[in-house]
Amino acid sequence: MNFLGIFLAIGCIVAAMMMEGTNPTMMLVLPAFLVVFGASFFACVVQFPIATIVGALKCFIWTIAPPRNNMDAQVELLVGLSTTARQQGLLALENSIASASDDFTRDGIQMIVDGVDKDALKEILEQGIAVEEAKYEPYAKMLEAMGGYSPTMGIIGAVLGLIHAMSLLDRPDELGPAIAVAFVATIYGLVLANLICLPASNLVKGIVANQTLYKYMTLEGLVSIAAGENTMMLKRRLAVYAGEKNENA
């Protein structure tokens, strides 16, 4: 649905143009596209390493298929692990590792089985969460930077178009269309920034925030299991995160 939003927003612009009697094909200007999209992208190449750019482009795919974390299923898994640990011991959790839906949970369960104490377990898992957040932060910044550059590139494209239009002063019949085409670059820049890059950047930040919440909930559950707390105490701890999920829904 996120990518559909981009199409619908652009569709609203195209519909408004048609209602005003403007031919939407006037917006198909290759030089303007090259100035705005190309120059904005390569400005980011100057600012960010290639690995960050590739990562940001992969995150952009989240506008089509965003990763989702099933909080309810995770709560059910953690409660089941707690019950198993209290009835059969911590070593019995090894049979449940494969049932975890993500590497973070699987690694946590494996550490419990290996006998890592609750304090070390919490420290390691918190470090993993912090590293994951730091990993995705540059990706969001790259998309945000491209959204910041594109309006300026649009102005550059418009100025270049106006320079060309000034050369047509002796041909009034060509002057009007040339001026109109010149401003297409400005529209490209604003659309790239406000309908694509900046929303995608905020989408990445939101998804990472939800993943962080999911992992902190998992951390609380695993530490509770490692500490030998009863299942009711575990449920109370996880209920806090269930409340956060409902507020964000």
C-alpha atoms as a PDB file:
ATOM      1  CA  MET A   1       0.000   0.000   0.000  1.00  0.00           C
ATOM      2  CA  ASN A   2       2.939   2.374   0.541  1.00  0.00           C
ATOM      3  CA  PHE A   3       3.992   2.285  -3.118  1.00  0.00           C
ATOM      4  CA  LEU A   4       0.359   2.642  -4.160  1.00  0.00           C
ATOM      5  CA  GLY A   5       0.305   5.910  -2.232  1.00  0.00           C
ATOM      6  CA  ILE A   6       3.054   7.288  -4.475  1.00  0.00           C
ATOM      7  CA  PHE A   7       1.090   6.397  -7.586  1.00  0.00           C
ATOM      8  CA  LEU A   8      -2.113   7.880  -6.188  1.00  0.00           C
ATOM      9  CA  ALA A   9      -0.348  11.119  -5.252  1.00  0.00           C
ATOM     10  CA  ILE A  10       1.148  11.443  -8.738  1.00  0.00           C
ATOM     11  CA  GLY A  11      -2.240  10.494 -10.155  1.00  0.00           C
ATOM     12  CA  CYS A  12      -3.846  13.409  -8.316  1.00  0.00           C
ATOM     13  CA  ILE A  13      -1.339  15.783  -9.908  1.00  0.00           C
ATOM     14  CA  VAL A  14      -1.942  14.358 -13.380  1.00  0.00           C
ATOM     15  CA  ALA A  15      -5.704  14.530 -12.876  1.00  0.00           C
ATOM     16  CA  ALA A  16      -5.459  18.185 -11.832  1.00  0.00           C
ATOM     17  CA  MET A  17      -3.433  18.939 -14.958  1.00  0.00           C
ATOM     18  CA  MET A  18      -6.019  17.295 -17.178  1.00  0.00           C
ATOM     19  CA  MET A  19      -8.841  19.179 -15.460  1.00  0.00           C
ATOM     20  CA  GLU A  20      -7.042  22.421 -16.266  1.00  0.00           C
ATOM     21  CA  GLY A  21      -6.632  21.353 -19.892  1.00  0.00           C
ATOM     22  CA  THR A  22      -2.904  20.609 -19.721  1.00  0.00           C
ATOM     23  CA  ASN A  23      -1.574  17.650 -21.682  1.00  0.00           C
ATOM     24  CA  PRO A  24       0.249  15.335 -19.196  1.00  0.00           C
ATOM     25  CA  THR A  25       2.669  14.254 -21.932  1.00  0.00           C
ATOM     26  CA  MET A  26       4.274  17.696 -21.594  1.00  0.00           C
ATOM     27  CA  MET A  27       5.799  16.353 -18.374  1.00  0.00           C
ATOM     28  CA  LEU A  28       7.826  13.736 -20.251  1.00  0.00           C
ATOM     29  CA  VAL A  29      11.051  15.699 -20.678  1.00  0.00           C
ATOM     30  CA  LEU A  30      14.217  13.581 -20.684  1.00  0.00           C
ATOM     31  CA  PRO A  31      16.716  16.450 -20.060  1.00  0.00           C
ATOM     32  CA  ALA A  32      14.765  17.518 -16.972  1.00  0.00           C
ATOM     33  CA  PHE A  33      14.691  13.911 -15.764  1.00  0.00           C
ATOM     34  CA  LEU A  34      18.460  13.595 -16.157  1.00  0.00           C
ATOM     35  CA  VAL A  35      19.155  16.852 -14.318  1.00  0.00           C
ATOM     36  CA  VAL A  36      16.883  16.100 -11.364  1.00  0.00           C
ATOM     37  CA  PHE A  37      17.089  12.340 -10.887  1.00  0.00           C
ATOM     38  CA  GLY A  38      20.610  11.869 -12.202  1.00  0.00           C
ATOM     39  CA  ALA A  39      22.257  14.854 -10.542  1.00  0.00           C
ATOM     40  CA  SER A  40      20.459  14.241  -7.218  1.00  0.00           C
ATOM     41  CA  PHE A  41      21.566  10.607  -7.195  1.00  0.00           C
ATOM     42  CA  PHE A  42      25.190  11.382  -8.007  1.00  0.00           C
ATOM     43  CA  ALA A  43      25.253  14.136  -5.398  1.00  0.00           C
ATOM     44  CA  CYS A  44      24.424  11.357  -2.929  1.00  0.00           C
ATOM     45  CA  VAL A  45      27.272   9.301  -4.420  1.00  0.00           C
ATOM     46  CA  VAL A  46      29.585  12.119  -3.345  1.00  0.00           C
ATOM     47  CA  GLN A  47      28.176  12.139   0.186  1.00  0.00           C
ATOM     48  CA  PHE A  48      27.679   8.431   0.905  1.00  0.00           C
ATOM     49  CA  PRO A  49      29.700   5.250   0.275  1.00  0.00           C
ATOM     50  CA  ILE A  50      28.363   2.866  -2.352  1.00  0.00           C
ATOM     51  CA  ALA A  51      27.391   0.295   0.287  1.00  0.00           C
ATOM     52  CA  THR A  52      25.087   2.835   1.942  1.00  0.00           C
ATOM     53  CA  ILE A  53      23.497   3.760  -1.395  1.00  0.00           C
ATOM     54  CA  VAL A  54      22.887   0.112  -2.244  1.00  0.00           C
ATOM     55  CA  GLY A  55      21.407  -0.457   1.210  1.00  0.00           C
ATOM     56  CA  ALA A  56      19.141   2.570   0.823  1.00  0.00           C
ATOM     57  CA  LEU A  57      17.897   1.323  -2.546  1.00  0.00           C
ATOM     58  CA  LYS A  58      17.140  -2.059  -0.978  1.00  0.00           C
ATOM     59  CA  CYS A  59      15.221  -0.311   1.806  1.00  0.00           C
ATOM     60  CA  PHE A  60      13.252   1.575  -0.843  1.00  0.00           C
ATOM     61  CA  ILE A  61      11.772  -1.801  -1.773  1.00  0.00           C
ATOM     62  CA  TRP A  62       9.993  -1.578   1.590  1.00  0.00           C
ATOM     63  CA  THR A  63       7.564   0.829  -0.094  1.00  0.00           C
ATOM     64  CA  ILE A  64       6.353  -2.241  -2.013  1.00  0.00           C
ATOM     65  CA  ALA A  65       6.843  -5.043   0.524  1.00  0.00           C
ATOM     66  CA  PRO A  66       7.598  -3.711   4.022  1.00  0.00           C
ATOM     67  CA  PRO A  67       8.861  -6.235   6.597  1.00  0.00           C
ATOM     68  CA  ARG A  68       6.304  -7.056   9.252  1.00  0.00           C
ATOM     69  CA  ASN A  69       6.698  -8.391  12.770  1.00  0.00           C
ATOM     70  CA  ASN A  70       3.861 -10.385  14.290  1.00  0.00           C
ATOM     71  CA  MET A  71       3.858  -9.201  17.893  1.00  0.00           C
ATOM     72  CA  ASP A  72       1.039 -11.526  18.953  1.00  0.00           C
ATOM     73  CA  ALA A  73       2.788 -14.584  17.522  1.00  0.00           C
ATOM     74  CA  GLN A  74       6.021 -13.548  19.262  1.00  0.00           C
ATOM     75  CA  VAL A  75       4.259 -13.177  22.609  1.00  0.00           C
ATOM     76  CA  GLU A  76       2.760 -16.631  22.135  1.00  0.00           C
ATOM     77  CA  LEU A  77       6.205 -18.056  21.328  1.00  0.00           C
ATOM     78  CA  LEU A  78       7.849 -16.469  24.379  1.00  0.00           C
ATOM     79  CA  VAL A  79       5.084 -17.650  26.701  1.00  0.00           C
ATOM     80  CA  GLY A  80       5.480 -21.148  25.281  1.00  0.00           C
ATOM     81  CA  LEU A  81       9.237 -21.013  25.827  1.00  0.00           C
ATOM     82  CA  SER A  82       8.710 -19.913  29.412  1.00  0.00           C
ATOM     83  CA  THR A  83       6.344 -22.796  30.065  1.00  0.00           C
ATOM     84  CA  THR A  84       8.758 -25.278  28.495  1.00  0.00           C
ATOM     85  CA  ALA A  85      11.711 -23.920  30.486  1.00  0.00           C
ATOM     86  CA  ARG A  86       9.872 -24.189  33.805  1.00  0.00           C
ATOM     87  CA  GLN A  87       8.523 -27.668  33.120  1.00  0.00           C
ATOM     88  CA  GLN A  88      11.487 -29.288  31.358  1.00  0.00           C
ATOM     89  CA  GLY A  89      14.473 -27.025  32.051  1.00  0.00           C
ATOM     90  CA  LEU A  90      16.396 -24.523  29.919  1.00  0.00           C
ATOM     91  CA  LEU A  91      18.107 -27.201  27.834  1.00  0.00           C
ATOM     92  CA  ALA A  92      14.708 -28.259  26.480  1.00  0.00           C
ATOM     93  CA  LEU A  93      14.489 -24.916  24.681  1.00  0.00           C
ATOM     94  CA  GLU A  94      16.930 -26.185  22.073  1.00  0.00           C
ATOM     95  CA  ASN A  95      14.065 -27.994  20.359  1.00  0.00           C
ATOM     96  CA  SER A  96      12.229 -24.656  19.992  1.00  0.00           C
ATOM     97  CA  ILE A  97      15.018 -22.725  18.249  1.00  0.00           C
ATOM     98  CA  ALA A  98      13.788 -23.656  14.783  1.00  0.00           C
ATOM     99  CA  SER A  99      10.289 -22.375  15.581  1.00  0.00           C
ATOM    100  CA  ALA A 100      11.535 -18.801  16.019  1.00  0.00           C
ATOM    101  CA  SER A 101      10.773 -16.529  13.075  1.00  0.00           C
ATOM    102  CA  ASP A 102      13.933 -14.385  13.151  1.00  0.00           C
ATOM    103  CA  ASP A 103      17.666 -14.678  13.805  1.00  0.00           C
ATOM    104  CA  PHE A 104      17.526 -12.346  16.812  1.00  0.00           C
ATOM    105  CA  THR A 105      15.160 -14.668  18.672  1.00  0.00           C
ATOM    106  CA  ARG A 106      17.006 -17.797  17.567  1.00  0.00           C
ATOM    107  CA  ASP A 107      20.334 -16.401  18.773  1.00  0.00           C
ATOM    108  CA  GLY A 108      18.792 -15.441  22.118  1.00  0.00           C
ATOM    109  CA  ILE A 109      17.326 -18.893  22.670  1.00  0.00           C
ATOM    110  CA  GLN A 110      20.630 -20.507  21.713  1.00  0.00           C
ATOM    111  CA  MET A 111      22.480 -18.376  24.257  1.00  0.00           C
ATOM    112  CA  ILE A 112      20.036 -19.442  26.971  1.00  0.00           C
ATOM    113  CA  VAL A 113      20.592 -23.086  26.053  1.00  0.00           C
ATOM    114  CA  ASP A 114      24.370 -22.493  26.117  1.00  0.00           C
ATOM    115  CA  GLY A 115      24.099 -21.249  29.685  1.00  0.00           C
ATOM    116  CA  VAL A 116      24.714 -17.522  29.188  1.00  0.00           C
ATOM    117  CA  ASP A 117      23.564 -15.741  32.361  1.00  0.00           C
ATOM    118  CA  LYS A 118      20.734 -13.202  32.188  1.00  0.00           C
ATOM    119  CA  ASP A 119      22.928 -10.113  32.601  1.00  0.00           C
ATOM    120  CA  ALA A 120      25.298 -11.109  29.792  1.00  0.00           C
ATOM    121  CA  LEU A 121      22.323 -12.148  27.670  1.00  0.00           C
ATOM    122  CA  LYS A 122      20.699  -8.745  28.102  1.00  0.00           C
ATOM    123  CA  GLU A 123      23.936  -6.927  27.312  1.00  0.00           C
ATOM    124  CA  ILE A 124      24.578  -8.919  24.139  1.00  0.00           C
ATOM    125  CA  LEU A 125      21.019  -8.549  22.865  1.00  0.00           C
ATOM    126  CA  GLU A 126      20.954  -4.815  23.595  1.00  0.00           C
ATOM    127  CA  GLN A 127      24.218  -4.438  21.709  1.00  0.00           C
ATOM    128  CA  GLY A 128      22.695  -6.286  18.767  1.00  0.00           C
ATOM    129  CA  ILE A 129      19.698  -3.927  18.742  1.00  0.00           C
ATOM    130  CA  ALA A 130      21.953  -0.858  18.857  1.00  0.00           C
ATOM    131  CA  VAL A 131      24.088  -2.155  15.981  1.00  0.00           C
ATOM    132  CA  GLU A 132      20.988  -2.858  13.895  1.00  0.00           C
ATOM    133  CA  GLU A 133      19.675   0.674  14.464  1.00  0.00           C
ATOM    134  CA  ALA A 134      23.059   2.144  13.526  1.00  0.00           C
ATOM    135  CA  LYS A 135      23.079   0.017  10.371  1.00  0.00           C
ATOM    136  CA  TYR A 136      19.814   1.417   9.026  1.00  0.00           C
ATOM    137  CA  GLU A 137      20.281   5.043  10.066  1.00  0.00           C
ATOM    138  CA  PRO A 138      22.553   5.956   7.085  1.00  0.00           C
ATOM    139  CA  TYR A 139      20.047   4.395   4.674  1.00  0.00           C
ATOM    140  CA  ALA A 140      17.296   6.713   5.856  1.00  0.00           C
ATOM    141  CA  LYS A 141      19.702   9.661   5.743  1.00  0.00           C
ATOM    142  CA  MET A 142      20.661   8.858   2.143  1.00  0.00           C
ATOM    143  CA  LEU A 143      17.020   8.926   1.012  1.00  0.00           C
ATOM    144  CA  GLU A 144      16.490  12.100   3.014  1.00  0.00           C
ATOM    145  CA  ALA A 145      19.560  13.724   1.440  1.00  0.00           C
ATOM    146  CA  MET A 146      18.357  12.866  -2.075  1.00  0.00           C
ATOM    147  CA  GLY A 147      15.036  14.458  -1.185  1.00  0.00           C
ATOM    148  CA  GLY A 148      16.918  17.550  -0.069  1.00  0.00           C
ATOM    149  CA  TYR A 149      19.019  17.836  -3.217  1.00  0.00           C
ATOM    150  CA  SER A 150      16.264  17.266  -5.781  1.00  0.00           C
ATOM    151  CA  PRO A 151      14.379  20.603  -5.440  1.00  0.00           C
ATOM    152  CA  THR A 152      17.650  22.465  -5.967  1.00  0.00           C
ATOM    153  CA  MET A 153      18.431  20.321  -8.979  1.00  0.00           C
ATOM    154  CA  GLY A 154      14.956  21.147 -10.230  1.00  0.00           C
ATOM    155  CA  ILE A 155      15.770  24.837 -10.041  1.00  0.00           C
ATOM    156  CA  ILE A 156      19.023  24.238 -11.926  1.00  0.00           C
ATOM    157  CA  GLY A 157      17.075  22.386 -14.606  1.00  0.00           C
ATOM    158  CA  ALA A 158      14.568  25.240 -14.833  1.00  0.00           C
ATOM    159  CA  VAL A 159      17.336  27.805 -15.214  1.00  0.00           C
ATOM    160  CA  LEU A 160      18.956  25.732 -17.965  1.00  0.00           C
ATOM    161  CA  GLY A 161      15.600  25.537 -19.708  1.00  0.00           C
ATOM    162  CA  LEU A 162      15.085  29.291 -19.431  1.00  0.00           C
ATOM    163  CA  ILE A 163      18.529  29.914 -20.875  1.00  0.00           C
ATOM    164  CA  HIS A 164      17.465  27.846 -23.867  1.00  0.00           C
ATOM    165  CA  ALA A 165      14.152  29.715 -24.035  1.00  0.00           C
ATOM    166  CA  MET A 166      15.940  33.077 -24.154  1.00  0.00           C
ATOM    167  CA  SER A 167      17.628  31.951 -27.345  1.00  0.00           C
ATOM    168  CA  LEU A 168      14.183  31.726 -28.932  1.00  0.00           C
ATOM    169  CA  LEU A 169      13.164  35.353 -28.437  1.00  0.00           C
ATOM    170  CA  ASP A 170      13.196  35.847 -32.201  1.00  0.00           C
ATOM    171  CA  ARG A 171      10.744  32.927 -32.556  1.00  0.00           C
ATOM    172  CA  PRO A 172       7.702  33.808 -30.397  1.00  0.00           C
ATOM    173  CA  ASP A 173       5.767  30.732 -31.496  1.00  0.00           C
ATOM    174  CA  GLU A 174       8.434  28.492 -29.891  1.00  0.00           C
ATOM    175  CA  LEU A 175       9.133  30.664 -26.853  1.00  0.00           C
ATOM    176  CA  GLY A 176       5.998  29.747 -24.853  1.00  0.00           C
ATOM    177  CA  PRO A 177       6.387  25.963 -25.094  1.00  0.00           C
ATOM    178  CA  ALA A 178      10.100  26.253 -24.273  1.00  0.00           C
ATOM    179  CA  ILE A 179       9.351  28.206 -21.084  1.00  0.00           C
ATOM    180  CA  ALA A 180       6.715  25.649 -20.110  1.00  0.00           C
ATOM    181  CA  VAL A 181       9.180  22.803 -20.598  1.00  0.00           C
ATOM    182  CA  ALA A 182      11.766  24.664 -18.506  1.00  0.00           C
ATOM    183  CA  PHE A 183       9.574  24.464 -15.420  1.00  0.00           C
ATOM    184  CA  VAL A 184       9.094  20.704 -15.751  1.00  0.00           C
ATOM    185  CA  ALA A 185      12.435  20.194 -13.969  1.00  0.00           C
ATOM    186  CA  THR A 186      11.123  22.142 -10.967  1.00  0.00           C
ATOM    187  CA  ILE A 187       8.095  19.862 -10.773  1.00  0.00           C
ATOM    188  CA  TYR A 188      10.329  16.791 -11.067  1.00  0.00           C
ATOM    189  CA  GLY A 189      12.447  18.023  -8.168  1.00  0.00           C
ATOM    190  CA  LEU A 190       9.476  18.703  -5.911  1.00  0.00           C
ATOM    191  CA  VAL A 191       7.811  15.386  -6.753  1.00  0.00           C
ATOM    192  CA  LEU A 192      11.009  13.392  -6.186  1.00  0.00           C
ATOM    193  CA  ALA A 193      11.537  15.073  -2.830  1.00  0.00           C
ATOM    194  CA  ASN A 194       8.028  15.254  -1.390  1.00  0.00           C
ATOM    195  CA  LEU A 195       6.331  12.213  -2.901  1.00  0.00           C
ATOM    196  CA  ILE A 196       9.190   9.709  -3.094  1.00  0.00           C
ATOM    197  CA  CYS A 197      12.418  10.308  -1.167  1.00  0.00           C
ATOM    198  CA  LEU A 198      11.265  12.029   2.027  1.00  0.00           C
ATOM    199  CA  PRO A 199       8.270   9.698   2.556  1.00  0.00           C
ATOM    200  CA  ALA A 200      10.515   6.681   1.873  1.00  0.00           C
ATOM    201  CA  SER A 201      13.052   7.959   4.403  1.00  0.00           C
ATOM    202  CA  ASN A 202      10.361   8.325   7.062  1.00  0.00           C
ATOM    203  CA  LEU A 203       9.032   4.887   6.156  1.00  0.00           C
ATOM    204  CA  VAL A 204      12.448   3.341   6.812  1.00  0.00           C
ATOM    205  CA  LYS A 205      12.669   5.148  10.162  1.00  0.00           C
ATOM    206  CA  GLY A 206       9.210   3.936  11.144  1.00  0.00           C
ATOM    207  CA  ILE A 207       9.882   0.323  10.197  1.00  0.00           C
ATOM    208  CA  VAL A 208      13.205   0.315  12.063  1.00  0.00           C
ATOM    209  CA  ALA A 209      11.449   1.780  15.128  1.00  0.00           C
ATOM    210  CA  ASN A 210       8.854  -1.010  15.002  1.00  0.00           C
ATOM    211  CA  GLN A 211      11.580  -3.629  14.606  1.00  0.00           C
ATOM    212  CA  THR A 212      13.395  -2.158  17.607  1.00  0.00           C
ATOM    213  CA  LEU A 213      10.222  -2.353  19.710  1.00  0.00           C
ATOM    214  CA  TYR A 214       9.742  -5.955  18.616  1.00  0.00           C
ATOM    215  CA  LYS A 215      13.303  -6.850  19.569  1.00  0.00           C
ATOM    216  CA  TYR A 216      13.126  -5.136  22.953  1.00  0.00           C
ATOM    217  CA  MET A 217       9.969  -7.106  23.692  1.00  0.00           C
ATOM    218  CA  THR A 218      11.798 -10.276  22.682  1.00  0.00           C
ATOM    219  CA  LEU A 219      14.764  -9.275  24.848  1.00  0.00           C
ATOM    220  CA  GLU A 220      12.512  -8.797  27.893  1.00  0.00           C
ATOM    221  CA  GLY A 221      10.957 -12.189  27.323  1.00  0.00           C
ATOM    222  CA  LEU A 222      14.253 -14.030  26.872  1.00  0.00           C
ATOM    223  CA  VAL A 223      15.875 -12.379  29.899  1.00  0.00           C
ATOM    224  CA  SER A 224      12.808 -13.261  31.964  1.00  0.00           C
ATOM    225  CA  ILE A 225      13.095 -16.888  30.845  1.00  0.00           C
ATOM    226  CA  ALA A 226      16.842 -16.974  31.591  1.00  0.00           C
ATOM    227  CA  ALA A 227      16.183 -15.539  35.063  1.00  0.00           C
ATOM    228  CA  GLY A 228      13.665 -18.290  35.798  1.00  0.00           C
ATOM    229  CA  GLU A 229      10.718 -15.941  36.323  1.00  0.00           C
ATOM    230  CA  ASN A 230       7.273 -17.479  36.289  1.00  0.00           C
ATOM    231  CA  THR A 231       5.110 -17.282  33.207  1.00  0.00           C
ATOM    232  CA  MET A 232       2.655 -14.811  34.730  1.00  0.00           C
ATOM    233  CA  MET A 233       5.501 -12.347  35.385  1.00  0.00           C
ATOM    234  CA  LEU A 234       6.605 -12.797  31.780  1.00  0.00           C
ATOM    235  CA  LYS A 235       3.104 -12.015  30.543  1.00  0.00           C
ATOM    236  CA  ARG A 236       3.068  -8.832  32.631  1.00  0.00           C
ATOM    237  CA  ARG A 237       6.355  -7.720  31.092  1.00  0.00           C
ATOM    238  CA  LEU A 238       5.138  -8.385  27.552  1.00  0.00           C
ATOM    239  CA  ALA A 239       1.803  -6.666  28.200  1.00  0.00           C
ATOM    240  CA  VAL A 240       3.665  -3.337  28.265  1.00  0.00           C
ATOM    241  CA  TYR A 241       4.773  -3.847  24.667  1.00  0.00           C
ATOM    242  CA  ALA A 242       1.341  -5.047  23.615  1.00  0.00           C
ATOM    243  CA  GLY A 243       0.019  -1.700  24.865  1.00  0.00           C
ATOM    244  CA  GLU A 244       2.628   0.163  22.792  1.00  0.00           C
ATOM    245  CA  LYS A 245       1.595  -1.861  19.738  1.00  0.00           C
ATOM    246  CA  ASN A 246      -2.045  -0.905  20.177  1.00  0.00           C
ATOM    247  CA  GLU A 247      -1.156   2.774  20.523  1.00  0.00           C
ATOM    248  CA  ASN A 248       0.855   2.639  17.280  1.00  0.00           C
ATOM    249  CA  ALA A 249      -1.842   0.757  15.359  1.00  0.00           C
END
